[in-house]
Amino acid sequence: ATVFAALFFEPMGAEFAQIVSFFTVGVSFLFRPLGAFLAGHFGDRI
């Protein structure tokens, strides 16, 4: 919310860089089901 847009995504332009920065927050959620599947499977098994 405060620094990644300027430090990692600046070439995209100020406003779009901030949207992309927030998008990276959401990207991790897309992989939560993978973590849930793996942990759920092994948590119920081991």
ModelCIF file with pLDDT and N, C-alpha, C, O atoms, coordinates in Angstrom:
data_MODEL
#
_entry.id   MODEL 
#
_entity.id                         1 
_entity.type                       polymer 
_entity.pdbx_number_of_molecules   1 
#
_entity_poly.entity_id                      1 
_entity_poly.type                           'polypeptide(L)' 
_entity_poly.nstd_linkage                   no 
_entity_poly.nstd_monomer                   no 
_entity_poly.pdbx_seq_one_letter_code       ATVFAALFFEPMGAEFAQIVSFFTVGVSFLFRPLGAFLAGHFGDRI 
_entity_poly.pdbx_seq_one_letter_code_can   ATVFAALFFEPMGAEFAQIVSFFTVGVSFLFRPLGAFLAGHFGDRI 
_entity_poly.pdbx_strand_id                 A 
#
loop_
_entity_poly_seq.entity_id 
_entity_poly_seq.num 
_entity_poly_seq.mon_id 
_entity_poly_seq.hetero 
1 1  ALA n 
1 2  THR n 
1 3  VAL n 
1 4  PHE n 
1 5  ALA n 
1 6  ALA n 
1 7  LEU n 
1 8  PHE n 
1 9  PHE n 
1 10 GLU n 
1 11 PRO n 
1 12 MET n 
1 13 GLY n 
1 14 ALA n 
1 15 GLU n 
1 16 PHE n 
1 17 ALA n 
1 18 GLN n 
1 19 ILE n 
1 20 VAL n 
1 21 SER n 
1 22 PHE n 
1 23 PHE n 
1 24 THR n 
1 25 VAL n 
1 26 GLY n 
1 27 VAL n 
1 28 SER n 
1 29 PHE n 
1 30 LEU n 
1 31 PHE n 
1 32 ARG n 
1 33 PRO n 
1 34 LEU n 
1 35 GLY n 
1 36 ALA n 
1 37 PHE n 
1 38 LEU n 
1 39 ALA n 
1 40 GLY n 
1 41 HIS n 
1 42 PHE n 
1 43 GLY n 
1 44 ASP n 
1 45 ARG n 
1 46 ILE n 
#
_struct_asym.id          A 
_struct_asym.entity_id   1 
#
loop_
_ma_qa_metric.id 
_ma_qa_metric.mode 
_ma_qa_metric.name 
_ma_qa_metric.software_group_id 
_ma_qa_metric.type 
1 global pLDDT . pLDDT 
2 local  pLDDT . pLDDT 
#
_ma_qa_metric_global.metric_id      1 
_ma_qa_metric_global.metric_value   81.26 
_ma_qa_metric_global.model_id       1 
_ma_qa_metric_global.ordinal_id     1 
#
loop_
_ma_qa_metric_local.label_asym_id 
_ma_qa_metric_local.label_comp_id 
_ma_qa_metric_local.label_seq_id 
_ma_qa_metric_local.metric_id 
_ma_qa_metric_local.metric_value 
_ma_qa_metric_local.model_id 
_ma_qa_metric_local.ordinal_id 
A ALA 1  2 81.00 1 1  
A THR 2  2 81.00 1 2  
A VAL 3  2 86.00 1 3  
A PHE 4  2 90.00 1 4  
A ALA 5  2 88.00 1 5  
A ALA 6  2 87.00 1 6  
A LEU 7  2 91.00 1 7  
A PHE 8  2 92.00 1 8  
A PHE 9  2 90.00 1 9  
A GLU 10 2 86.00 1 10 
A PRO 11 2 85.00 1 11 
A MET 12 2 86.00 1 12 
A GLY 13 2 82.00 1 13 
A ALA 14 2 73.00 1 14 
A GLU 15 2 75.00 1 15 
A PHE 16 2 86.00 1 16 
A ALA 17 2 88.00 1 17 
A GLN 18 2 85.00 1 18 
A ILE 19 2 86.00 1 19 
A VAL 20 2 89.00 1 20 
A SER 21 2 88.00 1 21 
A PHE 22 2 84.00 1 22 
A PHE 23 2 86.00 1 23 
A THR 24 2 87.00 1 24 
A VAL 25 2 82.00 1 25 
A GLY 26 2 79.00 1 26 
A VAL 27 2 84.00 1 27 
A SER 28 2 81.00 1 28 
A PHE 29 2 79.00 1 29 
A LEU 30 2 83.00 1 30 
A PHE 31 2 87.00 1 31 
A ARG 32 2 80.00 1 32 
A PRO 33 2 82.00 1 33 
A LEU 34 2 85.00 1 34 
A GLY 35 2 81.00 1 35 
A ALA 36 2 79.00 1 36 
A PHE 37 2 78.00 1 37 
A LEU 38 2 80.00 1 38 
A ALA 39 2 74.00 1 39 
A GLY 40 2 70.00 1 40 
A HIS 41 2 70.00 1 41 
A PHE 42 2 73.00 1 42 
A GLY 43 2 64.00 1 43 
A ASP 44 2 64.00 1 44 
A ARG 45 2 66.00 1 45 
A ILE 46 2 65.00 1 46 
#
loop_
_atom_site.group_PDB 
_atom_site.id 
_atom_site.type_symbol 
_atom_site.label_atom_id 
_atom_site.label_alt_id 
_atom_site.label_comp_id 
_atom_site.label_asym_id 
_atom_site.label_entity_id 
_atom_site.label_seq_id 
_atom_site.pdbx_PDB_ins_code 
_atom_site.Cartn_x 
_atom_site.Cartn_y 
_atom_site.Cartn_z 
_atom_site.occupancy 
_atom_site.B_iso_or_equiv 
_atom_site.pdbx_formal_charge 
_atom_site.auth_seq_id 
_atom_site.auth_comp_id 
_atom_site.auth_asym_id 
_atom_site.auth_atom_id 
_atom_site.pdbx_PDB_model_num 
ATOM 1   N N  . ALA A 1 1  ? 0.811  -1.213  0.000   1.00 81.00 ? 1  ALA A N  1 
ATOM 2   C CA . ALA A 1 1  ? 0.000  0.000   0.000   1.00 81.00 ? 1  ALA A CA 1 
ATOM 3   C C  . ALA A 1 1  ? 0.848  1.268   0.000   1.00 81.00 ? 1  ALA A C  1 
ATOM 4   O O  . ALA A 1 1  ? 0.391  2.320   -0.448  1.00 81.00 ? 1  ALA A O  1 
ATOM 5   N N  . THR A 1 2  ? 2.084  1.173   0.502   1.00 81.00 ? 2  THR A N  1 
ATOM 6   C CA . THR A 1 2  ? 2.857  2.396   0.724   1.00 81.00 ? 2  THR A CA 1 
ATOM 7   C C  . THR A 1 2  ? 4.144  2.515   -0.094  1.00 81.00 ? 2  THR A C  1 
ATOM 8   O O  . THR A 1 2  ? 4.519  3.629   -0.461  1.00 81.00 ? 2  THR A O  1 
ATOM 9   N N  . VAL A 1 3  ? 4.835  1.413   -0.395  1.00 86.00 ? 3  VAL A N  1 
ATOM 10  C CA . VAL A 1 3  ? 6.148  1.546   -1.035  1.00 86.00 ? 3  VAL A CA 1 
ATOM 11  C C  . VAL A 1 3  ? 6.360  0.707   -2.292  1.00 86.00 ? 3  VAL A C  1 
ATOM 12  O O  . VAL A 1 3  ? 7.139  1.102   -3.160  1.00 86.00 ? 3  VAL A O  1 
ATOM 13  N N  . PHE A 1 4  ? 5.694  -0.435  -2.416  1.00 90.00 ? 4  PHE A N  1 
ATOM 14  C CA . PHE A 1 4  ? 6.018  -1.346  -3.518  1.00 90.00 ? 4  PHE A CA 1 
ATOM 15  C C  . PHE A 1 4  ? 5.714  -0.752  -4.898  1.00 90.00 ? 4  PHE A C  1 
ATOM 16  O O  . PHE A 1 4  ? 6.431  -1.022  -5.861  1.00 90.00 ? 4  PHE A O  1 
ATOM 17  N N  . ALA A 1 5  ? 4.660  0.051   -4.993  1.00 88.00 ? 5  ALA A N  1 
ATOM 18  C CA . ALA A 1 5  ? 4.326  0.641   -6.303  1.00 88.00 ? 5  ALA A CA 1 
ATOM 19  C C  . ALA A 1 5  ? 5.492  1.460   -6.835  1.00 88.00 ? 5  ALA A C  1 
ATOM 20  O O  . ALA A 1 5  ? 5.828  1.368   -8.015  1.00 88.00 ? 5  ALA A O  1 
ATOM 21  N N  . ALA A 1 6  ? 6.111  2.261   -5.974  1.00 87.00 ? 6  ALA A N  1 
ATOM 22  C CA . ALA A 1 6  ? 7.213  3.124   -6.397  1.00 87.00 ? 6  ALA A CA 1 
ATOM 23  C C  . ALA A 1 6  ? 8.518  2.360   -6.560  1.00 87.00 ? 6  ALA A C  1 
ATOM 24  O O  . ALA A 1 6  ? 9.326  2.705   -7.422  1.00 87.00 ? 6  ALA A O  1 
ATOM 25  N N  . LEU A 1 7  ? 8.742  1.329   -5.751  1.00 91.00 ? 7  LEU A N  1 
ATOM 26  C CA . LEU A 1 7  ? 10.037 0.652   -5.755  1.00 91.00 ? 7  LEU A CA 1 
ATOM 27  C C  . LEU A 1 7  ? 10.110 -0.529  -6.715  1.00 91.00 ? 7  LEU A C  1 
ATOM 28  O O  . LEU A 1 7  ? 11.192 -0.861  -7.199  1.00 91.00 ? 7  LEU A O  1 
ATOM 29  N N  . PHE A 1 8  ? 8.968  -1.173  -7.001  1.00 92.00 ? 8  PHE A N  1 
ATOM 30  C CA . PHE A 1 8  ? 8.996  -2.384  -7.826  1.00 92.00 ? 8  PHE A CA 1 
ATOM 31  C C  . PHE A 1 8  ? 8.198  -2.258  -9.128  1.00 92.00 ? 8  PHE A C  1 
ATOM 32  O O  . PHE A 1 8  ? 8.470  -2.982  -10.086 1.00 92.00 ? 8  PHE A O  1 
ATOM 33  N N  . PHE A 1 9  ? 7.213  -1.347  -9.176  1.00 90.00 ? 9  PHE A N  1 
ATOM 34  C CA . PHE A 1 9  ? 6.332  -1.277  -10.346 1.00 90.00 ? 9  PHE A CA 1 
ATOM 35  C C  . PHE A 1 9  ? 6.270  0.117   -10.976 1.00 90.00 ? 9  PHE A C  1 
ATOM 36  O O  . PHE A 1 9  ? 5.347  0.401   -11.739 1.00 90.00 ? 9  PHE A O  1 
ATOM 37  N N  . GLU A 1 10 ? 7.217  0.972   -10.678 1.00 86.00 ? 10 GLU A N  1 
ATOM 38  C CA . GLU A 1 10 ? 7.172  2.364   -11.124 1.00 86.00 ? 10 GLU A CA 1 
ATOM 39  C C  . GLU A 1 10 ? 7.042  2.535   -12.641 1.00 86.00 ? 10 GLU A C  1 
ATOM 40  O O  . GLU A 1 10 ? 6.331  3.444   -13.070 1.00 86.00 ? 10 GLU A O  1 
ATOM 41  N N  . PRO A 1 11 ? 7.695  1.705   -13.483 1.00 85.00 ? 11 PRO A N  1 
ATOM 42  C CA . PRO A 1 11 ? 7.573  1.912   -14.938 1.00 85.00 ? 11 PRO A CA 1 
ATOM 43  C C  . PRO A 1 11 ? 6.146  1.804   -15.472 1.00 85.00 ? 11 PRO A C  1 
ATOM 44  O O  . PRO A 1 11 ? 5.883  2.219   -16.601 1.00 85.00 ? 11 PRO A O  1 
ATOM 45  N N  . MET A 1 12 ? 5.225  1.257   -14.686 1.00 86.00 ? 12 MET A N  1 
ATOM 46  C CA . MET A 1 12 ? 3.841  1.111   -15.141 1.00 86.00 ? 12 MET A CA 1 
ATOM 47  C C  . MET A 1 12 ? 3.045  2.407   -15.016 1.00 86.00 ? 12 MET A C  1 
ATOM 48  O O  . MET A 1 12 ? 1.910  2.479   -15.486 1.00 86.00 ? 12 MET A O  1 
ATOM 49  N N  . GLY A 1 13 ? 3.620  3.421   -14.396 1.00 82.00 ? 13 GLY A N  1 
ATOM 50  C CA . GLY A 1 13 ? 2.878  4.658   -14.165 1.00 82.00 ? 13 GLY A CA 1 
ATOM 51  C C  . GLY A 1 13 ? 2.274  4.650   -12.778 1.00 82.00 ? 13 GLY A C  1 
ATOM 52  O O  . GLY A 1 13 ? 1.906  3.593   -12.264 1.00 82.00 ? 13 GLY A O  1 
ATOM 53  N N  . ALA A 1 14 ? 2.169  5.816   -12.168 1.00 73.00 ? 14 ALA A N  1 
ATOM 54  C CA . ALA A 1 14 ? 1.802  5.912   -10.750 1.00 73.00 ? 14 ALA A CA 1 
ATOM 55  C C  . ALA A 1 14 ? 0.502  5.198   -10.394 1.00 73.00 ? 14 ALA A C  1 
ATOM 56  O O  . ALA A 1 14 ? 0.482  4.386   -9.469  1.00 73.00 ? 14 ALA A O  1 
ATOM 57  N N  . GLU A 1 15 ? -0.591 5.488   -11.116 1.00 75.00 ? 15 GLU A N  1 
ATOM 58  C CA . GLU A 1 15 ? -1.885 4.920   -10.746 1.00 75.00 ? 15 GLU A CA 1 
ATOM 59  C C  . GLU A 1 15 ? -1.963 3.422   -11.027 1.00 75.00 ? 15 GLU A C  1 
ATOM 60  O O  . GLU A 1 15 ? -2.425 2.658   -10.180 1.00 75.00 ? 15 GLU A O  1 
ATOM 61  N N  . PHE A 1 16 ? -1.512 2.995   -12.214 1.00 86.00 ? 16 PHE A N  1 
ATOM 62  C CA . PHE A 1 16 ? -1.579 1.579   -12.545 1.00 86.00 ? 16 PHE A CA 1 
ATOM 63  C C  . PHE A 1 16 ? -0.616 0.778   -11.686 1.00 86.00 ? 16 PHE A C  1 
ATOM 64  O O  . PHE A 1 16 ? -0.908 -0.363  -11.331 1.00 86.00 ? 16 PHE A O  1 
ATOM 65  N N  . ALA A 1 17 ? 0.536  1.363   -11.345 1.00 88.00 ? 17 ALA A N  1 
ATOM 66  C CA . ALA A 1 17 ? 1.503  0.685   -10.484 1.00 88.00 ? 17 ALA A CA 1 
ATOM 67  C C  . ALA A 1 17 ? 0.880  0.369   -9.124  1.00 88.00 ? 17 ALA A C  1 
ATOM 68  O O  . ALA A 1 17 ? 1.140  -0.689  -8.551  1.00 88.00 ? 17 ALA A O  1 
ATOM 69  N N  . GLN A 1 18 ? 0.050  1.295   -8.603  1.00 85.00 ? 18 GLN A N  1 
ATOM 70  C CA . GLN A 1 18 ? -0.576 1.039   -7.301  1.00 85.00 ? 18 GLN A CA 1 
ATOM 71  C C  . GLN A 1 18 ? -1.608 -0.077  -7.395  1.00 85.00 ? 18 GLN A C  1 
ATOM 72  O O  . GLN A 1 18 ? -1.722 -0.895  -6.483  1.00 85.00 ? 18 GLN A O  1 
ATOM 73  N N  . ILE A 1 19 ? -2.363 -0.114  -8.497  1.00 86.00 ? 19 ILE A N  1 
ATOM 74  C CA . ILE A 1 19 ? -3.326 -1.208  -8.675  1.00 86.00 ? 19 ILE A CA 1 
ATOM 75  C C  . ILE A 1 19 ? -2.603 -2.544  -8.761  1.00 86.00 ? 19 ILE A C  1 
ATOM 76  O O  . ILE A 1 19 ? -3.039 -3.525  -8.159  1.00 86.00 ? 19 ILE A O  1 
ATOM 77  N N  . VAL A 1 20 ? -1.496 -2.590  -9.507  1.00 89.00 ? 20 VAL A N  1 
ATOM 78  C CA . VAL A 1 20 ? -0.723 -3.832  -9.628  1.00 89.00 ? 20 VAL A CA 1 
ATOM 79  C C  . VAL A 1 20 ? -0.122 -4.222  -8.284  1.00 89.00 ? 20 VAL A C  1 
ATOM 80  O O  . VAL A 1 20 ? -0.061 -5.404  -7.945  1.00 89.00 ? 20 VAL A O  1 
ATOM 81  N N  . SER A 1 21 ? 0.323  -3.225  -7.518  1.00 88.00 ? 21 SER A N  1 
ATOM 82  C CA . SER A 1 21 ? 0.870  -3.507  -6.192  1.00 88.00 ? 21 SER A CA 1 
ATOM 83  C C  . SER A 1 21 ? -0.177 -4.169  -5.303  1.00 88.00 ? 21 SER A C  1 
ATOM 84  O O  . SER A 1 21 ? 0.119  -5.136  -4.601  1.00 88.00 ? 21 SER A O  1 
ATOM 85  N N  . PHE A 1 22 ? -1.414 -3.640  -5.336  1.00 84.00 ? 22 PHE A N  1 
ATOM 86  C CA . PHE A 1 22 ? -2.503 -4.273  -4.585  1.00 84.00 ? 22 PHE A CA 1 
ATOM 87  C C  . PHE A 1 22 ? -2.835 -5.650  -5.175  1.00 84.00 ? 22 PHE A C  1 
ATOM 88  O O  . PHE A 1 22 ? -3.228 -6.560  -4.445  1.00 84.00 ? 22 PHE A O  1 
ATOM 89  N N  . PHE A 1 23 ? -2.679 -5.800  -6.485  1.00 86.00 ? 23 PHE A N  1 
ATOM 90  C CA . PHE A 1 23 ? -2.932 -7.092  -7.117  1.00 86.00 ? 23 PHE A CA 1 
ATOM 91  C C  . PHE A 1 23 ? -1.999 -8.165  -6.561  1.00 86.00 ? 23 PHE A C  1 
ATOM 92  O O  . PHE A 1 23 ? -2.411 -9.313  -6.392  1.00 86.00 ? 23 PHE A O  1 
ATOM 93  N N  . THR A 1 24 ? -0.741 -7.802  -6.275  1.00 87.00 ? 24 THR A N  1 
ATOM 94  C CA . THR A 1 24 ? 0.188  -8.803  -5.716  1.00 87.00 ? 24 THR A CA 1 
ATOM 95  C C  . THR A 1 24 ? -0.252 -9.261  -4.327  1.00 87.00 ? 24 THR A C  1 
ATOM 96  O O  . THR A 1 24 ? 0.050  -10.381 -3.913  1.00 87.00 ? 24 THR A O  1 
ATOM 97  N N  . VAL A 1 25 ? -0.972 -8.385  -3.603  1.00 82.00 ? 25 VAL A N  1 
ATOM 98  C CA . VAL A 1 25 ? -1.550 -8.818  -2.324  1.00 82.00 ? 25 VAL A CA 1 
ATOM 99  C C  . VAL A 1 25 ? -2.553 -9.932  -2.583  1.00 82.00 ? 25 VAL A C  1 
ATOM 100 O O  . VAL A 1 25 ? -2.585 -10.930 -1.862  1.00 82.00 ? 25 VAL A O  1 
ATOM 101 N N  . GLY A 1 26 ? -3.375 -9.757  -3.621  1.00 79.00 ? 26 GLY A N  1 
ATOM 102 C CA . GLY A 1 26 ? -4.399 -10.749 -3.945  1.00 79.00 ? 26 GLY A CA 1 
ATOM 103 C C  . GLY A 1 26 ? -3.857 -12.009 -4.576  1.00 79.00 ? 26 GLY A C  1 
ATOM 104 O O  . GLY A 1 26 ? -4.466 -13.071 -4.448  1.00 79.00 ? 26 GLY A O  1 
ATOM 105 N N  . VAL A 1 27 ? -2.698 -11.917 -5.270  1.00 84.00 ? 27 VAL A N  1 
ATOM 106 C CA . VAL A 1 27 ? -2.129 -13.097 -5.926  1.00 84.00 ? 27 VAL A CA 1 
ATOM 107 C C  . VAL A 1 27 ? -1.919 -14.235 -4.934  1.00 84.00 ? 27 VAL A C  1 
ATOM 108 O O  . VAL A 1 27 ? -2.169 -15.398 -5.250  1.00 84.00 ? 27 VAL A O  1 
ATOM 109 N N  . SER A 1 28 ? -1.465 -13.896 -3.750  1.00 81.00 ? 28 SER A N  1 
ATOM 110 C CA . SER A 1 28 ? -1.193 -14.946 -2.767  1.00 81.00 ? 28 SER A CA 1 
ATOM 111 C C  . SER A 1 28 ? -2.456 -15.736 -2.426  1.00 81.00 ? 28 SER A C  1 
ATOM 112 O O  . SER A 1 28 ? -2.379 -16.924 -2.113  1.00 81.00 ? 28 SER A O  1 
ATOM 113 N N  . PHE A 1 29 ? -3.626 -15.075 -2.486  1.00 79.00 ? 29 PHE A N  1 
ATOM 114 C CA . PHE A 1 29 ? -4.882 -15.750 -2.180  1.00 79.00 ? 29 PHE A CA 1 
ATOM 115 C C  . PHE A 1 29 ? -5.185 -16.846 -3.200  1.00 79.00 ? 29 PHE A C  1 
ATOM 116 O O  . PHE A 1 29 ? -5.786 -17.869 -2.872  1.00 79.00 ? 29 PHE A O  1 
ATOM 117 N N  . LEU A 1 30 ? -4.762 -16.614 -4.435  1.00 83.00 ? 30 LEU A N  1 
ATOM 118 C CA . LEU A 1 30 ? -5.021 -17.619 -5.468  1.00 83.00 ? 30 LEU A CA 1 
ATOM 119 C C  . LEU A 1 30 ? -4.290 -18.917 -5.171  1.00 83.00 ? 30 LEU A C  1 
ATOM 120 O O  . LEU A 1 30 ? -4.688 -19.981 -5.644  1.00 83.00 ? 30 LEU A O  1 
ATOM 121 N N  . PHE A 1 31 ? -3.221 -18.833 -4.387  1.00 87.00 ? 31 PHE A N  1 
ATOM 122 C CA . PHE A 1 31 ? -2.436 -20.021 -4.053  1.00 87.00 ? 31 PHE A CA 1 
ATOM 123 C C  . PHE A 1 31 ? -2.780 -20.578 -2.669  1.00 87.00 ? 31 PHE A C  1 
ATOM 124 O O  . PHE A 1 31 ? -2.246 -21.607 -2.256  1.00 87.00 ? 31 PHE A O  1 
ATOM 125 N N  . ARG A 1 32 ? -3.673 -19.891 -1.959  1.00 80.00 ? 32 ARG A N  1 
ATOM 126 C CA . ARG A 1 32 ? -4.121 -20.441 -0.671  1.00 80.00 ? 32 ARG A CA 1 
ATOM 127 C C  . ARG A 1 32 ? -4.792 -21.803 -0.829  1.00 80.00 ? 32 ARG A C  1 
ATOM 128 O O  . ARG A 1 32 ? -4.543 -22.698 -0.021  1.00 80.00 ? 32 ARG A O  1 
ATOM 129 N N  . PRO A 1 33 ? -5.651 -21.990 -1.866  1.00 82.00 ? 33 PRO A N  1 
ATOM 130 C CA . PRO A 1 33 ? -6.244 -23.328 -2.003  1.00 82.00 ? 33 PRO A CA 1 
ATOM 131 C C  . PRO A 1 33 ? -5.197 -24.422 -2.176  1.00 82.00 ? 33 PRO A C  1 
ATOM 132 O O  . PRO A 1 33 ? -5.381 -25.528 -1.670  1.00 82.00 ? 33 PRO A O  1 
ATOM 133 N N  . LEU A 1 34 ? -4.089 -24.134 -2.888  1.00 85.00 ? 34 LEU A N  1 
ATOM 134 C CA . LEU A 1 34 ? -3.028 -25.129 -3.024  1.00 85.00 ? 34 LEU A CA 1 
ATOM 135 C C  . LEU A 1 34 ? -2.451 -25.468 -1.652  1.00 85.00 ? 34 LEU A C  1 
ATOM 136 O O  . LEU A 1 34 ? -2.258 -26.638 -1.320  1.00 85.00 ? 34 LEU A O  1 
ATOM 137 N N  . GLY A 1 35 ? -2.179 -24.427 -0.857  1.00 81.00 ? 35 GLY A N  1 
ATOM 138 C CA . GLY A 1 35 ? -1.691 -24.682 0.497   1.00 81.00 ? 35 GLY A CA 1 
ATOM 139 C C  . GLY A 1 35 ? -2.710 -25.432 1.331   1.00 81.00 ? 35 GLY A C  1 
ATOM 140 O O  . GLY A 1 35 ? -2.357 -26.310 2.118   1.00 81.00 ? 35 GLY A O  1 
ATOM 141 N N  . ALA A 1 36 ? -3.992 -25.077 1.153   1.00 79.00 ? 36 ALA A N  1 
ATOM 142 C CA . ALA A 1 36 ? -5.059 -25.748 1.900   1.00 79.00 ? 36 ALA A CA 1 
ATOM 143 C C  . ALA A 1 36 ? -5.192 -27.207 1.480   1.00 79.00 ? 36 ALA A C  1 
ATOM 144 O O  . ALA A 1 36 ? -5.381 -28.078 2.329   1.00 79.00 ? 36 ALA A O  1 
ATOM 145 N N  . PHE A 1 37 ? -5.094 -27.487 0.177   1.00 78.00 ? 37 PHE A N  1 
ATOM 146 C CA . PHE A 1 37 ? -5.184 -28.858 -0.319  1.00 78.00 ? 37 PHE A CA 1 
ATOM 147 C C  . PHE A 1 37 ? -4.030 -29.691 0.241   1.00 78.00 ? 37 PHE A C  1 
ATOM 148 O O  . PHE A 1 37 ? -4.234 -30.796 0.743   1.00 78.00 ? 37 PHE A O  1 
ATOM 149 N N  . LEU A 1 38 ? -2.816 -29.144 0.149   1.00 80.00 ? 38 LEU A N  1 
ATOM 150 C CA . LEU A 1 38 ? -1.643 -29.894 0.615   1.00 80.00 ? 38 LEU A CA 1 
ATOM 151 C C  . LEU A 1 38 ? -1.678 -30.098 2.124   1.00 80.00 ? 38 LEU A C  1 
ATOM 152 O O  . LEU A 1 38 ? -1.502 -31.213 2.615   1.00 80.00 ? 38 LEU A O  1 
ATOM 153 N N  . ALA A 1 39 ? -1.909 -29.002 2.858   1.00 74.00 ? 39 ALA A N  1 
ATOM 154 C CA . ALA A 1 39 ? -1.937 -29.111 4.321   1.00 74.00 ? 39 ALA A CA 1 
ATOM 155 C C  . ALA A 1 39 ? -3.130 -29.924 4.787   1.00 74.00 ? 39 ALA A C  1 
ATOM 156 O O  . ALA A 1 39 ? -3.032 -30.687 5.748   1.00 74.00 ? 39 ALA A O  1 
ATOM 157 N N  . GLY A 1 40 ? -4.274 -29.757 4.095   1.00 70.00 ? 40 GLY A N  1 
ATOM 158 C CA . GLY A 1 40 ? -5.453 -30.533 4.468   1.00 70.00 ? 40 GLY A CA 1 
ATOM 159 C C  . GLY A 1 40 ? -5.229 -32.023 4.264   1.00 70.00 ? 40 GLY A C  1 
ATOM 160 O O  . GLY A 1 40 ? -5.566 -32.835 5.126   1.00 70.00 ? 40 GLY A O  1 
ATOM 161 N N  . HIS A 1 41 ? -4.654 -32.379 3.107   1.00 70.00 ? 41 HIS A N  1 
ATOM 162 C CA . HIS A 1 41 ? -4.395 -33.789 2.817   1.00 70.00 ? 41 HIS A CA 1 
ATOM 163 C C  . HIS A 1 41 ? -3.439 -34.394 3.846   1.00 70.00 ? 41 HIS A C  1 
ATOM 164 O O  . HIS A 1 41 ? -3.729 -35.429 4.446   1.00 70.00 ? 41 HIS A O  1 
ATOM 165 N N  . PHE A 1 42 ? -2.297 -33.734 4.041   1.00 73.00 ? 42 PHE A N  1 
ATOM 166 C CA . PHE A 1 42 ? -1.298 -34.295 4.961   1.00 73.00 ? 42 PHE A CA 1 
ATOM 167 C C  . PHE A 1 42 ? -1.693 -34.095 6.420   1.00 73.00 ? 42 PHE A C  1 
ATOM 168 O O  . PHE A 1 42 ? -1.304 -34.881 7.284   1.00 73.00 ? 42 PHE A O  1 
ATOM 169 N N  . GLY A 1 43 ? -2.477 -33.031 6.698   1.00 64.00 ? 43 GLY A N  1 
ATOM 170 C CA . GLY A 1 43 ? -2.960 -32.837 8.057   1.00 64.00 ? 43 GLY A CA 1 
ATOM 171 C C  . GLY A 1 43 ? -3.941 -33.908 8.473   1.00 64.00 ? 43 GLY A C  1 
ATOM 172 O O  . GLY A 1 43 ? -3.976 -34.299 9.639   1.00 64.00 ? 43 GLY A O  1 
ATOM 173 N N  . ASP A 1 44 ? -4.748 -34.392 7.526   1.00 64.00 ? 44 ASP A N  1 
ATOM 174 C CA . ASP A 1 44 ? -5.668 -35.491 7.817   1.00 64.00 ? 44 ASP A CA 1 
ATOM 175 C C  . ASP A 1 44 ? -4.972 -36.850 7.745   1.00 64.00 ? 44 ASP A C  1 
ATOM 176 O O  . ASP A 1 44 ? -5.499 -37.850 8.231   1.00 64.00 ? 44 ASP A O  1 
ATOM 177 N N  . ARG A 1 45 ? -3.774 -36.877 7.128   1.00 66.00 ? 45 ARG A N  1 
ATOM 178 C CA . ARG A 1 45 ? -3.044 -38.144 6.969   1.00 66.00 ? 45 ARG A CA 1 
ATOM 179 C C  . ARG A 1 45 ? -1.942 -38.329 8.016   1.00 66.00 ? 45 ARG A C  1 
ATOM 180 O O  . ARG A 1 45 ? -1.824 -39.403 8.606   1.00 66.00 ? 45 ARG A O  1 
ATOM 181 N N  . ILE A 1 46 ? -1.128 -37.280 8.253   1.00 65.00 ? 46 ILE A N  1 
ATOM 182 C CA . ILE A 1 46 ? 0.017  -37.450 9.161   1.00 65.00 ? 46 ILE A CA 1 
ATOM 183 C C  . ILE A 1 46 ? -0.083 -36.608 10.420  1.00 65.00 ? 46 ILE A C  1 
ATOM 184 O O  . ILE A 1 46 ? 0.809  -36.655 11.267  1.00 65.00 ? 46 ILE A O  1 
#
